[in-house]
Amino acid sequence: MMSTLAVFLQNNGNNVLGALFGGMALLFWLAVAVVVIIGGWKVFEKAGHPGWAILIPFYNTYIMLKIAGRPGWWLLLYLIPIVNLVIARTVDYRVIGITRQRPETQRPAREVGRGMAAHGNIA
């Protein structure tokens, strides 16, 4: 939608406003790309893989599959429409679960509940 508005502004003689709006949109998406690259770099390093791998298309997806513990042939599933959405979510949730660090003092609620029930603190 932003690019459509930028084209509209440029075609109506308001070249300055169109260029300004288009430039702002470009800067916004560059900032988003930098944040994604930094985040991916940290995930790869935390998982024991080189951070630079996030910069190489297809190879970064292959490394994500390896981090998630999925076979490399799943890379082919990314080429199938609709299936790729399911595979991407599956891999993302698995990577999030693996790379998330939980302090030793913080336990999941289900473990806390079991401990309290085992000690008779919950009726």
PDB file of N, CA and C in Angstrom:
ATOM      1  N   MET A   1       0.828  -1.184   0.000  1.00  0.00           N
ATOM      2  CA  MET A   1       0.000   0.000   0.000  1.00  0.00           C
ATOM      3  C   MET A   1       0.873   1.248   0.000  1.00  0.00           C
ATOM      4  N   MET A   2       1.994   1.194   0.713  1.00  0.00           N
ATOM      5  CA  MET A   2       2.858   2.365   0.773  1.00  0.00           C
ATOM      6  C   MET A   2       3.428   2.687  -0.600  1.00  0.00           C
ATOM      7  N   SER A   3       3.842   1.678  -1.332  1.00  0.00           N
ATOM      8  CA  SER A   3       4.437   1.935  -2.633  1.00  0.00           C
ATOM      9  C   SER A   3       3.390   2.458  -3.616  1.00  0.00           C
ATOM     10  N   THR A   4       2.128   2.016  -3.484  1.00  0.00           N
ATOM     11  CA  THR A   4       1.059   2.515  -4.343  1.00  0.00           C
ATOM     12  C   THR A   4       0.846   4.004  -4.111  1.00  0.00           C
ATOM     13  N   LEU A   5       0.866   4.420  -2.863  1.00  0.00           N
ATOM     14  CA  LEU A   5       0.709   5.831  -2.535  1.00  0.00           C
ATOM     15  C   LEU A   5       1.893   6.630  -3.062  1.00  0.00           C
ATOM     16  N   ALA A   6       3.090   6.061  -2.965  1.00  0.00           N
ATOM     17  CA  ALA A   6       4.274   6.752  -3.476  1.00  0.00           C
ATOM     18  C   ALA A   6       4.169   6.948  -4.985  1.00  0.00           C
ATOM     19  N   VAL A   7       3.705   5.945  -5.712  1.00  0.00           N
ATOM     20  CA  VAL A   7       3.542   6.061  -7.172  1.00  0.00           C
ATOM     21  C   VAL A   7       2.486   7.114  -7.491  1.00  0.00           C
ATOM     22  N   PHE A   8       1.384   7.127  -6.747  1.00  0.00           N
ATOM     23  CA  PHE A   8       0.331   8.111  -6.953  1.00  0.00           C
ATOM     24  C   PHE A   8       0.870   9.525  -6.764  1.00  0.00           C
ATOM     25  N   LEU A   9       1.645   9.724  -5.708  1.00  0.00           N
ATOM     26  CA  LEU A   9       2.193  11.051  -5.456  1.00  0.00           C
ATOM     27  C   LEU A   9       3.169  11.470  -6.554  1.00  0.00           C
ATOM     28  N   GLN A  10       3.944  10.513  -7.062  1.00  0.00           N
ATOM     29  CA  GLN A  10       4.906  10.836  -8.107  1.00  0.00           C
ATOM     30  C   GLN A  10       4.214  11.159  -9.430  1.00  0.00           C
ATOM     31  N   ASN A  11       3.108  10.524  -9.736  1.00  0.00           N
ATOM     32  CA  ASN A  11       2.418  10.741 -11.006  1.00  0.00           C
ATOM     33  C   ASN A  11       1.591  12.018 -11.023  1.00  0.00           C
ATOM     34  N   ASN A  12       1.328  12.602  -9.895  1.00  0.00           N
ATOM     35  CA  ASN A  12       0.523  13.816  -9.842  1.00  0.00           C
ATOM     36  C   ASN A  12       1.358  15.087  -9.757  1.00  0.00           C
ATOM     37  N   GLY A  13       2.602  15.033 -10.107  1.00  0.00           N
ATOM     38  CA  GLY A  13       3.419  16.235 -10.127  1.00  0.00           C
ATOM     39  C   GLY A  13       4.042  16.593  -8.795  1.00  0.00           C
ATOM     40  N   ASN A  14       3.715  15.885  -7.758  1.00  0.00           N
ATOM     41  CA  ASN A  14       4.303  16.145  -6.445  1.00  0.00           C
ATOM     42  C   ASN A  14       5.534  15.253  -6.265  1.00  0.00           C
ATOM     43  N   ASN A  15       6.509  15.470  -7.118  1.00  0.00           N
ATOM     44  CA  ASN A  15       7.684  14.607  -7.110  1.00  0.00           C
ATOM     45  C   ASN A  15       8.438  14.656  -5.795  1.00  0.00           C
ATOM     46  N   VAL A  16       8.453  15.791  -5.160  1.00  0.00           N
ATOM     47  CA  VAL A  16       9.187  15.910  -3.898  1.00  0.00           C
ATOM     48  C   VAL A  16       8.522  15.060  -2.827  1.00  0.00           C
ATOM     49  N   LEU A  17       7.199  15.155  -2.728  1.00  0.00           N
ATOM     50  CA  LEU A  17       6.494  14.357  -1.719  1.00  0.00           C
ATOM     51  C   LEU A  17       6.595  12.859  -2.024  1.00  0.00           C
ATOM     52  N   GLY A  18       6.495  12.500  -3.283  1.00  0.00           N
ATOM     53  CA  GLY A  18       6.601  11.090  -3.654  1.00  0.00           C
ATOM     54  C   GLY A  18       7.969  10.530  -3.350  1.00  0.00           C
ATOM     55  N   ALA A  19       8.989  11.287  -3.656  1.00  0.00           N
ATOM     56  CA  ALA A  19      10.358  10.841  -3.375  1.00  0.00           C
ATOM     57  C   ALA A  19      10.597  10.741  -1.874  1.00  0.00           C
ATOM     58  N   LEU A  20      10.071  11.697  -1.127  1.00  0.00           N
ATOM     59  CA  LEU A  20      10.223  11.673   0.319  1.00  0.00           C
ATOM     60  C   LEU A  20       9.532  10.455   0.917  1.00  0.00           C
ATOM     61  N   PHE A  21       8.302  10.225   0.479  1.00  0.00           N
ATOM     62  CA  PHE A  21       7.552   9.082   1.011  1.00  0.00           C
ATOM     63  C   PHE A  21       8.202   7.762   0.612  1.00  0.00           C
ATOM     64  N   GLY A  22       8.628   7.650  -0.635  1.00  0.00           N
ATOM     65  CA  GLY A  22       9.298   6.433  -1.094  1.00  0.00           C
ATOM     66  C   GLY A  22      10.610   6.199  -0.369  1.00  0.00           C
ATOM     67  N   GLY A  23      11.348   7.276  -0.119  1.00  0.00           N
ATOM     68  CA  GLY A  23      12.604   7.166   0.621  1.00  0.00           C
ATOM     69  C   GLY A  23      12.392   6.727   2.053  1.00  0.00           C
ATOM     70  N   MET A  24      11.330   7.240   2.682  1.00  0.00           N
ATOM     71  CA  MET A  24      11.016   6.834   4.052  1.00  0.00           C
ATOM     72  C   MET A  24      10.624   5.361   4.103  1.00  0.00           C
ATOM     73  N   ALA A  25       9.853   4.908   3.117  1.00  0.00           N
ATOM     74  CA  ALA A  25       9.468   3.502   3.065  1.00  0.00           C
ATOM     75  C   ALA A  25      10.696   2.618   2.876  1.00  0.00           C
ATOM     76  N   LEU A  26      11.617   3.053   2.019  1.00  0.00           N
ATOM     77  CA  LEU A  26      12.853   2.310   1.801  1.00  0.00           C
ATOM     78  C   LEU A  26      13.664   2.207   3.088  1.00  0.00           C
ATOM     79  N   LEU A  27      13.801   3.303   3.806  1.00  0.00           N
ATOM     80  CA  LEU A  27      14.542   3.291   5.063  1.00  0.00           C
ATOM     81  C   LEU A  27      13.880   2.382   6.097  1.00  0.00           C
ATOM     82  N   PHE A  28      12.558   2.407   6.140  1.00  0.00           N
ATOM     83  CA  PHE A  28      11.841   1.541   7.076  1.00  0.00           C
ATOM     84  C   PHE A  28      12.136   0.077   6.786  1.00  0.00           C
ATOM     85  N   TRP A  29      12.035  -0.338   5.525  1.00  0.00           N
ATOM     86  CA  TRP A  29      12.261  -1.746   5.182  1.00  0.00           C
ATOM     87  C   TRP A  29      13.716  -2.142   5.331  1.00  0.00           C
ATOM     88  N   LEU A  30      14.637  -1.224   5.116  1.00  0.00           N
ATOM     89  CA  LEU A  30      16.043  -1.519   5.388  1.00  0.00           C
ATOM     90  C   LEU A  30      16.277  -1.747   6.879  1.00  0.00           C
ATOM     91  N   ALA A  31      15.622  -0.950   7.715  1.00  0.00           N
ATOM     92  CA  ALA A  31      15.729  -1.136   9.161  1.00  0.00           C
ATOM     93  C   ALA A  31      15.160  -2.491   9.579  1.00  0.00           C
ATOM     94  N   VAL A  32      14.024  -2.876   9.003  1.00  0.00           N
ATOM     95  CA  VAL A  32      13.434  -4.184   9.300  1.00  0.00           C
ATOM     96  C   VAL A  32      14.396  -5.296   8.883  1.00  0.00           C
ATOM     97  N   ALA A  33      15.001  -5.169   7.711  1.00  0.00           N
ATOM     98  CA  ALA A  33      15.944  -6.183   7.232  1.00  0.00           C
ATOM     99  C   ALA A  33      17.144  -6.301   8.163  1.00  0.00           C
ATOM    100  N   VAL A  34      17.655  -5.183   8.648  1.00  0.00           N
ATOM    101  CA  VAL A  34      18.800  -5.207   9.563  1.00  0.00           C
ATOM    102  C   VAL A  34      18.429  -5.916  10.866  1.00  0.00           C
ATOM    103  N   VAL A  35      17.247  -5.637  11.395  1.00  0.00           N
ATOM    104  CA  VAL A  35      16.807  -6.286  12.629  1.00  0.00           C
ATOM    105  C   VAL A  35      16.668  -7.802  12.424  1.00  0.00           C
ATOM    106  N   VAL A  36      16.117  -8.213  11.293  1.00  0.00           N
ATOM    107  CA  VAL A  36      15.964  -9.646  10.997  1.00  0.00           C
ATOM    108  C   VAL A  36      17.326 -10.314  10.868  1.00  0.00           C
ATOM    109  N   ILE A  37      18.264  -9.663  10.204  1.00  0.00           N
ATOM    110  CA  ILE A  37      19.602 -10.230  10.037  1.00  0.00           C
ATOM    111  C   ILE A  37      20.300 -10.352  11.386  1.00  0.00           C
ATOM    112  N   ILE A  38      20.215  -9.331  12.214  1.00  0.00           N
ATOM    113  CA  ILE A  38      20.855  -9.386  13.534  1.00  0.00           C
ATOM    114  C   ILE A  38      20.243 -10.504  14.377  1.00  0.00           C
ATOM    115  N   GLY A  39      18.920 -10.609  14.356  1.00  0.00           N
ATOM    116  CA  GLY A  39      18.259 -11.667  15.122  1.00  0.00           C
ATOM    117  C   GLY A  39      18.644 -13.051  14.640  1.00  0.00           C
ATOM    118  N   GLY A  40      18.655 -13.245  13.318  1.00  0.00           N
ATOM    119  CA  GLY A  40      19.038 -14.535  12.760  1.00  0.00           C
ATOM    120  C   GLY A  40      20.484 -14.871  13.067  1.00  0.00           C
ATOM    121  N   TRP A  41      21.347 -13.871  13.005  1.00  0.00           N
ATOM    122  CA  TRP A  41      22.761 -14.063  13.306  1.00  0.00           C
ATOM    123  C   TRP A  41      22.922 -14.598  14.729  1.00  0.00           C
ATOM    124  N   LYS A  42      22.204 -13.979  15.683  1.00  0.00           N
ATOM    125  CA  LYS A  42      22.301 -14.397  17.086  1.00  0.00           C
ATOM    126  C   LYS A  42      21.743 -15.801  17.295  1.00  0.00           C
ATOM    127  N   VAL A  43      20.644 -16.121  16.617  1.00  0.00           N
ATOM    128  CA  VAL A  43      20.074 -17.467  16.729  1.00  0.00           C
ATOM    129  C   VAL A  43      21.058 -18.502  16.210  1.00  0.00           C
ATOM    130  N   PHE A  44      21.669 -18.230  15.064  1.00  0.00           N
ATOM    131  CA  PHE A  44      22.621 -19.174  14.482  1.00  0.00           C
ATOM    132  C   PHE A  44      23.821 -19.368  15.401  1.00  0.00           C
ATOM    133  N   GLU A  45      24.345 -18.277  15.949  1.00  0.00           N
ATOM    134  CA  GLU A  45      25.493 -18.402  16.839  1.00  0.00           C
ATOM    135  C   GLU A  45      25.131 -19.135  18.121  1.00  0.00           C
ATOM    136  N   LYS A  46      23.952 -18.876  18.658  1.00  0.00           N
ATOM    137  CA  LYS A  46      23.525 -19.549  19.874  1.00  0.00           C
ATOM    138  C   LYS A  46      23.379 -21.051  19.643  1.00  0.00           C
ATOM    139  N   ALA A  47      23.002 -21.425  18.423  1.00  0.00           N
ATOM    140  CA  ALA A  47      22.828 -22.831  18.094  1.00  0.00           C
ATOM    141  C   ALA A  47      24.134 -23.490  17.652  1.00  0.00           C
ATOM    142  N   GLY A  48      25.239 -22.731  17.634  1.00  0.00           N
ATOM    143  CA  GLY A  48      26.523 -23.309  17.291  1.00  0.00           C
ATOM    144  C   GLY A  48      26.853 -23.306  15.809  1.00  0.00           C
ATOM    145  N   HIS A  49      26.164 -22.503  15.039  1.00  0.00           N
ATOM    146  CA  HIS A  49      26.427 -22.382  13.605  1.00  0.00           C
ATOM    147  C   HIS A  49      26.983 -20.995  13.331  1.00  0.00           C
ATOM    148  N   PRO A  50      27.681 -20.812  12.203  1.00  0.00           N
ATOM    149  CA  PRO A  50      28.234 -19.482  11.914  1.00  0.00           C
ATOM    150  C   PRO A  50      27.130 -18.465  11.627  1.00  0.00           C
ATOM    151  N   GLY A  51      27.258 -17.272  12.186  1.00  0.00           N
ATOM    152  CA  GLY A  51      26.252 -16.236  11.999  1.00  0.00           C
ATOM    153  C   GLY A  51      26.119 -15.769  10.567  1.00  0.00           C
ATOM    154  N   TRP A  52      27.220 -15.793   9.822  1.00  0.00           N
ATOM    155  CA  TRP A  52      27.188 -15.323   8.433  1.00  0.00           C
ATOM    156  C   TRP A  52      26.256 -16.166   7.565  1.00  0.00           C
ATOM    157  N   ALA A  53      25.881 -17.344   8.024  1.00  0.00           N
ATOM    158  CA  ALA A  53      25.019 -18.223   7.231  1.00  0.00           C
ATOM    159  C   ALA A  53      23.637 -17.602   7.000  1.00  0.00           C
ATOM    160  N   ILE A  54      23.232 -16.672   7.845  1.00  0.00           N
ATOM    161  CA  ILE A  54      21.923 -16.029   7.668  1.00  0.00           C
ATOM    162  C   ILE A  54      21.888 -15.195   6.398  1.00  0.00           C
ATOM    163  N   LEU A  55      23.050 -14.809   5.866  1.00  0.00           N
ATOM    164  CA  LEU A  55      23.118 -13.937   4.695  1.00  0.00           C
ATOM    165  C   LEU A  55      22.990 -14.695   3.375  1.00  0.00           C
ATOM    166  N   ILE A  56      23.049 -16.021   3.400  1.00  0.00           N
ATOM    167  CA  ILE A  56      23.043 -16.806   2.166  1.00  0.00           C
ATOM    168  C   ILE A  56      21.684 -17.475   1.987  1.00  0.00           C
ATOM    169  N   PRO A  57      20.932 -17.095   0.938  1.00  0.00           N
ATOM    170  CA  PRO A  57      19.611 -17.683   0.711  1.00  0.00           C
ATOM    171  C   PRO A  57      19.688 -19.202   0.538  1.00  0.00           C
ATOM    172  N   PHE A  58      18.663 -19.876   0.948  1.00  0.00           N
ATOM    173  CA  PHE A  58      18.507 -21.329   0.904  1.00  0.00           C
ATOM    174  C   PHE A  58      19.429 -22.026   1.905  1.00  0.00           C
ATOM    175  N   TYR A  59      20.684 -21.604   1.994  1.00  0.00           N
ATOM    176  CA  TYR A  59      21.586 -22.207   2.976  1.00  0.00           C
ATOM    177  C   TYR A  59      21.105 -21.862   4.381  1.00  0.00           C
ATOM    178  N   ASN A  60      20.614 -20.617   4.579  1.00  0.00           N
ATOM    179  CA  ASN A  60      20.129 -20.255   5.905  1.00  0.00           C
ATOM    180  C   ASN A  60      18.895 -21.074   6.286  1.00  0.00           C
ATOM    181  N   THR A  61      18.062 -21.395   5.309  1.00  0.00           N
ATOM    182  CA  THR A  61      16.897 -22.237   5.577  1.00  0.00           C
ATOM    183  C   THR A  61      17.336 -23.656   5.924  1.00  0.00           C
ATOM    184  N   TYR A  62      18.340 -24.144   5.223  1.00  0.00           N
ATOM    185  CA  TYR A  62      18.875 -25.476   5.503  1.00  0.00           C
ATOM    186  C   TYR A  62      19.442 -25.532   6.930  1.00  0.00           C
ATOM    187  N   ILE A  63      20.167 -24.491   7.331  1.00  0.00           N
ATOM    188  CA  ILE A  63      20.731 -24.444   8.688  1.00  0.00           C
ATOM    189  C   ILE A  63      19.607 -24.373   9.722  1.00  0.00           C
ATOM    190  N   MET A  64      18.554 -23.597   9.429  1.00  0.00           N
ATOM    191  CA  MET A  64      17.405 -23.534  10.346  1.00  0.00           C
ATOM    192  C   MET A  64      16.781 -24.914  10.526  1.00  0.00           C
ATOM    193  N   LEU A  65      16.673 -25.665   9.436  1.00  0.00           N
ATOM    194  CA  LEU A  65      16.153 -27.024   9.526  1.00  0.00           C
ATOM    195  C   LEU A  65      17.042 -27.888  10.410  1.00  0.00           C
ATOM    196  N   LYS A  66      18.344 -27.741  10.281  1.00  0.00           N
ATOM    197  CA  LYS A  66      19.279 -28.514  11.104  1.00  0.00           C
ATOM    198  C   LYS A  66      19.160 -28.119  12.577  1.00  0.00           C
ATOM    199  N   ILE A  67      18.999 -26.817  12.843  1.00  0.00           N
ATOM    200  CA  ILE A  67      18.828 -26.358  14.225  1.00  0.00           C
ATOM    201  C   ILE A  67      17.554 -26.945  14.818  1.00  0.00           C
ATOM    202  N   ALA A  68      16.506 -27.007  14.006  1.00  0.00           N
ATOM    203  CA  ALA A  68      15.225 -27.538  14.469  1.00  0.00           C
ATOM    204  C   ALA A  68      15.221 -29.058  14.559  1.00  0.00           C
ATOM    205  N   GLY A  69      16.284 -29.692  14.073  1.00  0.00           N
ATOM    206  CA  GLY A  69      16.348 -31.145  14.137  1.00  0.00           C
ATOM    207  C   GLY A  69      15.530 -31.833  13.058  1.00  0.00           C
ATOM    208  N   ARG A  70      15.292 -31.146  11.977  1.00  0.00           N
ATOM    209  CA  ARG A  70      14.521 -31.700  10.861  1.00  0.00           C
ATOM    210  C   ARG A  70      15.465 -32.111   9.737  1.00  0.00           C
ATOM    211  N   PRO A  71      15.058 -33.071   8.910  1.00  0.00           N
ATOM    212  CA  PRO A  71      15.941 -33.514   7.820  1.00  0.00           C
ATOM    213  C   PRO A  71      16.099 -32.436   6.746  1.00  0.00           C
ATOM    214  N   GLY A  72      17.221 -32.465   6.046  1.00  0.00           N
ATOM    215  CA  GLY A  72      17.523 -31.475   5.023  1.00  0.00           C
ATOM    216  C   GLY A  72      16.582 -31.508   3.834  1.00  0.00           C
ATOM    217  N   TRP A  73      15.967 -32.667   3.549  1.00  0.00           N
ATOM    218  CA  TRP A  73      15.074 -32.745   2.397  1.00  0.00           C
ATOM    219  C   TRP A  73      13.807 -31.926   2.609  1.00  0.00           C
ATOM    220  N   TRP A  74      13.540 -31.506   3.844  1.00  0.00           N
ATOM    221  CA  TRP A  74      12.382 -30.628   4.089  1.00  0.00           C
ATOM    222  C   TRP A  74      12.531 -29.312   3.350  1.00  0.00           C
ATOM    223  N   LEU A  75      13.749 -28.983   2.930  1.00  0.00           N
ATOM    224  CA  LEU A  75      13.968 -27.764   2.151  1.00  0.00           C
ATOM    225  C   LEU A  75      13.115 -27.785   0.887  1.00  0.00           C
ATOM    226  N   LEU A  76      12.910 -28.960   0.318  1.00  0.00           N
ATOM    227  CA  LEU A  76      12.056 -29.093  -0.877  1.00  0.00           C
ATOM    228  C   LEU A  76      10.595 -28.788  -0.570  1.00  0.00           C
ATOM    229  N   LEU A  77      10.174 -29.032   0.668  1.00  0.00           N
ATOM    230  CA  LEU A  77       8.784 -28.758   1.041  1.00  0.00           C
ATOM    231  C   LEU A  77       8.476 -27.265   1.057  1.00  0.00           C
ATOM    232  N   TYR A  78       9.522 -26.454   1.194  1.00  0.00           N
ATOM    233  CA  TYR A  78       9.325 -25.002   1.136  1.00  0.00           C
ATOM    234  C   TYR A  78       8.910 -24.545  -0.260  1.00  0.00           C
ATOM    235  N   LEU A  79       9.091 -25.367  -1.258  1.00  0.00           N
ATOM    236  CA  LEU A  79       8.745 -24.995  -2.635  1.00  0.00           C
ATOM    237  C   LEU A  79       7.285 -25.300  -2.979  1.00  0.00           C
ATOM    238  N   ILE A  80       6.566 -25.962  -2.084  1.00  0.00           N
ATOM    239  CA  ILE A  80       5.172 -26.337  -2.330  1.00  0.00           C
ATOM    240  C   ILE A  80       4.261 -25.302  -1.662  1.00  0.00           C
ATOM    241  N   PRO A  81       3.398 -24.645  -2.433  1.00  0.00           N
ATOM    242  CA  PRO A  81       2.497 -23.647  -1.838  1.00  0.00           C
ATOM    243  C   PRO A  81       1.629 -24.258  -0.737  1.00  0.00           C
ATOM    244  N   ILE A  82       1.316 -23.485   0.256  1.00  0.00           N
ATOM    245  CA  ILE A  82       0.537 -23.819   1.442  1.00  0.00           C
ATOM    246  C   ILE A  82       1.323 -24.740   2.368  1.00  0.00           C
ATOM    247  N   VAL A  83       1.938 -25.779   1.831  1.00  0.00           N
ATOM    248  CA  VAL A  83       2.760 -26.673   2.651  1.00  0.00           C
ATOM    249  C   VAL A  83       3.916 -25.885   3.249  1.00  0.00           C
ATOM    250  N   ASN A  84       4.467 -24.954   2.475  1.00  0.00           N
ATOM    251  CA  ASN A  84       5.597 -24.168   2.970  1.00  0.00           C
ATOM    252  C   ASN A  84       5.216 -23.353   4.210  1.00  0.00           C
ATOM    253  N   LEU A  85       3.984 -22.899   4.301  1.00  0.00           N
ATOM    254  CA  LEU A  85       3.546 -22.152   5.483  1.00  0.00           C
ATOM    255  C   LEU A  85       3.539 -23.037   6.719  1.00  0.00           C
ATOM    256  N   VAL A  86       3.050 -24.253   6.559  1.00  0.00           N
ATOM    257  CA  VAL A  86       3.004 -25.202   7.678  1.00  0.00           C
ATOM    258  C   VAL A  86       4.420 -25.583   8.108  1.00  0.00           C
ATOM    259  N   ILE A  87       5.265 -25.867   7.153  1.00  0.00           N
ATOM    260  CA  ILE A  87       6.646 -26.250   7.449  1.00  0.00           C
ATOM    261  C   ILE A  87       7.381 -25.091   8.127  1.00  0.00           C
ATOM    262  N   ALA A  88       7.184 -23.887   7.636  1.00  0.00           N
ATOM    263  CA  ALA A  88       7.854 -22.724   8.216  1.00  0.00           C
ATOM    264  C   ALA A  88       7.447 -22.528   9.672  1.00  0.00           C
ATOM    265  N   ARG A  89       6.155 -22.645   9.962  1.00  0.00           N
ATOM    266  CA  ARG A  89       5.704 -22.491  11.354  1.00  0.00           C
ATOM    267  C   ARG A  89       6.255 -23.607  12.226  1.00  0.00           C
ATOM    268  N   THR A  90       6.262 -24.817  11.716  1.00  0.00           N
ATOM    269  CA  THR A  90       6.781 -25.951  12.480  1.00  0.00           C
ATOM    270  C   THR A  90       8.247 -25.727  12.836  1.00  0.00           C
ATOM    271  N   VAL A  91       9.030 -25.329  11.859  1.00  0.00           N
ATOM    272  CA  VAL A  91      10.459 -25.102  12.085  1.00  0.00           C
ATOM    273  C   VAL A  91      10.661 -23.911  13.020  1.00  0.00           C
ATOM    274  N   ASP A  92       9.925 -22.826  12.804  1.00  0.00           N
ATOM    275  CA  ASP A  92      10.077 -21.642  13.646  1.00  0.00           C
ATOM    276  C   ASP A  92       9.791 -21.954  15.104  1.00  0.00           C
ATOM    277  N   TYR A  93       8.691 -22.648  15.382  1.00  0.00           N
ATOM    278  CA  TYR A  93       8.346 -22.967  16.765  1.00  0.00           C
ATOM    279  C   TYR A  93       9.385 -23.883  17.394  1.00  0.00           C
ATOM    280  N   ARG A  94       9.921 -24.797  16.609  1.00  0.00           N
ATOM    281  CA  ARG A  94      10.958 -25.702  17.122  1.00  0.00           C
ATOM    282  C   ARG A  94      12.237 -24.929  17.432  1.00  0.00           C
ATOM    283  N   VAL A  95      12.636 -24.016  16.557  1.00  0.00           N
ATOM    284  CA  VAL A  95      13.850 -23.225  16.785  1.00  0.00           C
ATOM    285  C   VAL A  95      13.663 -22.313  17.990  1.00  0.00           C
ATOM    286  N   ILE A  96      12.496 -21.720  18.126  1.00  0.00           N
ATOM    287  CA  ILE A  96      12.221 -20.858  19.276  1.00  0.00           C
ATOM    288  C   ILE A  96      12.347 -21.658  20.563  1.00  0.00           C
ATOM    289  N   GLY A  97      11.804 -22.866  20.573  1.00  0.00           N
ATOM    290  CA  GLY A  97      11.873 -23.699  21.764  1.00  0.00           C
ATOM    291  C   GLY A  97      13.286 -24.128  22.100  1.00  0.00           C
ATOM    292  N   ILE A  98      14.109 -24.350  21.093  1.00  0.00           N
ATOM    293  CA  ILE A  98      15.479 -24.803  21.324  1.00  0.00           C
ATOM    294  C   ILE A  98      16.379 -23.664  21.780  1.00  0.00           C
ATOM    295  N   THR A  99      16.257 -22.506  21.155  1.00  0.00           N
ATOM    296  CA  THR A  99      17.186 -21.410  21.427  1.00  0.00           C
ATOM    297  C   THR A  99      16.760 -20.526  22.597  1.00  0.00           C
ATOM    298  N   ARG A 100      15.544 -20.686  23.074  1.00  0.00           N
ATOM    299  CA  ARG A 100      15.091 -19.869  24.197  1.00  0.00           C
ATOM    300  C   ARG A 100      15.787 -20.341  25.464  1.00  0.00           C
ATOM    301  N   GLN A 101      16.323 -19.417  26.214  1.00  0.00           N
ATOM    302  CA  GLN A 101      16.984 -19.780  27.460  1.00  0.00           C
ATOM    303  C   GLN A 101      16.049 -19.470  28.619  1.00  0.00           C
ATOM    304  N   ARG A 102      15.972 -20.407  29.535  1.00  0.00           N
ATOM    305  CA  ARG A 102      15.149 -20.224  30.722  1.00  0.00           C
ATOM    306  C   ARG A 102      16.088 -20.265  31.928  1.00  0.00           C
ATOM    307  N   PRO A 103      16.001 -19.267  32.793  1.00  0.00           N
ATOM    308  CA  PRO A 103      16.843 -19.307  33.987  1.00  0.00           C
ATOM    309  C   PRO A 103      16.563 -20.575  34.792  1.00  0.00           C
ATOM    310  N   GLU A 104      17.587 -21.052  35.468  1.00  0.00           N
ATOM    311  CA  GLU A 104      17.450 -22.301  36.233  1.00  0.00           C
ATOM    312  C   GLU A 104      16.383 -22.188  37.322  1.00  0.00           C
ATOM    313  N   THR A 105      16.175 -20.985  37.837  1.00  0.00           N
ATOM    314  CA  THR A 105      15.198 -20.810  38.909  1.00  0.00           C
ATOM    315  C   THR A 105      13.774 -20.746  38.389  1.00  0.00           C
ATOM    316  N   GLN A 106      13.593 -20.575  37.098  1.00  0.00           N
ATOM    317  CA  GLN A 106      12.255 -20.470  36.521  1.00  0.00           C
ATOM    318  C   GLN A 106      11.886 -21.798  35.880  1.00  0.00           C
ATOM    319  N   ARG A 107      10.789 -22.381  36.357  1.00  0.00           N
ATOM    320  CA  ARG A 107      10.338 -23.646  35.794  1.00  0.00           C
ATOM    321  C   ARG A 107       8.994 -23.428  35.115  1.00  0.00           C
ATOM    322  N   PRO A 108       8.659 -24.266  34.149  1.00  0.00           N
ATOM    323  CA  PRO A 108       7.345 -24.143  33.519  1.00  0.00           C
ATOM    324  C   PRO A 108       6.233 -24.349  34.543  1.00  0.00           C
ATOM    325  N   ALA A 109       5.096 -23.743  34.295  1.00  0.00           N
ATOM    326  CA  ALA A 109       3.975 -23.821  35.234  1.00  0.00           C
ATOM    327  C   ALA A 109       3.547 -25.258  35.476  1.00  0.00           C
ATOM    328  N   ARG A 110       3.612 -26.104  34.459  1.00  0.00           N
ATOM    329  CA  ARG A 110       3.171 -27.489  34.667  1.00  0.00           C
ATOM    330  C   ARG A 110       4.077 -28.219  35.655  1.00  0.00           C
ATOM    331  N   GLU A 111       5.379 -27.881  35.692  1.00  0.00           N
ATOM    332  CA  GLU A 111       6.274 -28.496  36.661  1.00  0.00           C
ATOM    333  C   GLU A 111       6.004 -27.963  38.062  1.00  0.00           C
ATOM    334  N   VAL A 112       5.724 -26.674  38.170  1.00  0.00           N
ATOM    335  CA  VAL A 112       5.419 -26.088  39.469  1.00  0.00           C
ATOM    336  C   VAL A 112       4.156 -26.720  40.029  1.00  0.00           C
ATOM    337  N   GLY A 113       3.145 -26.873  39.177  1.00  0.00           N
ATOM    338  CA  GLY A 113       1.897 -27.485  39.619  1.00  0.00           C
ATOM    339  C   GLY A 113       2.079 -28.919  40.083  1.00  0.00           C
ATOM    340  N   ARG A 114       2.886 -29.683  39.391  1.00  0.00           N
ATOM    341  CA  ARG A 114       3.148 -31.067  39.780  1.00  0.00           C
ATOM    342  C   ARG A 114       3.862 -31.107  41.131  1.00  0.00           C
ATOM    343  N   GLY A 115       4.804 -30.206  41.285  1.00  0.00           N
ATOM    344  CA  GLY A 115       5.546 -30.202  42.549  1.00  0.00           C
ATOM    345  C   GLY A 115       4.656 -29.872  43.721  1.00  0.00           C
ATOM    346  N   MET A 116       3.750 -28.930  43.546  1.00  0.00           N
ATOM    347  CA  MET A 116       2.870 -28.548  44.634  1.00  0.00           C
ATOM    348  C   MET A 116       1.885 -29.671  44.933  1.00  0.00           C
ATOM    349  N   ALA A 117       1.387 -30.329  43.900  1.00  0.00           N
ATOM    350  CA  ALA A 117       0.454 -31.435  44.126  1.00  0.00           C
ATOM    351  C   ALA A 117       1.150 -32.605  44.799  1.00  0.00           C
ATOM    352  N   ALA A 118       2.390 -32.841  44.451  1.00  0.00           N
ATOM    353  CA  ALA A 118       3.134 -33.954  45.044  1.00  0.00           C
ATOM    354  C   ALA A 118       3.391 -33.724  46.519  1.00  0.00           C
ATOM    355  N   HIS A 119       3.503 -32.480  46.936  1.00  0.00           N
ATOM    356  CA  HIS A 119       3.762 -32.166  48.336  1.00  0.00           C
ATOM    357  C   HIS A 119       2.479 -31.914  49.128  1.00  0.00           C
ATOM    358  N   GLY A 120       1.344 -32.048  48.487  1.00  0.00           N
ATOM    359  CA  GLY A 120       0.079 -31.886  49.181  1.00  0.00           C
ATOM    360  C   GLY A 120      -0.341 -30.452  49.379  1.00  0.00           C
ATOM    361  N   ASN A 121       0.274 -29.503  48.665  1.00  0.00           N
ATOM    362  CA  ASN A 121      -0.082 -28.092  48.841  1.00  0.00           C
ATOM    363  C   ASN A 121      -1.330 -27.715  48.069  1.00  0.00           C
ATOM    364  N   ILE A 122      -1.750 -28.545  47.124  1.00  0.00           N
ATOM    365  CA  ILE A 122      -2.954 -28.282  46.340  1.00  0.00           C
ATOM    366  C   ILE A 122      -3.988 -29.319  46.714  1.00  0.00           C
ATOM    367  N   ALA A 123      -5.151 -28.854  47.063  1.00  0.00           N
ATOM    368  CA  ALA A 123      -6.199 -29.788  47.485  1.00  0.00           C
ATOM    369  C   ALA A 123      -6.831 -30.463  46.296  1.00  0.00           C
TER     370      ALA A 123
END
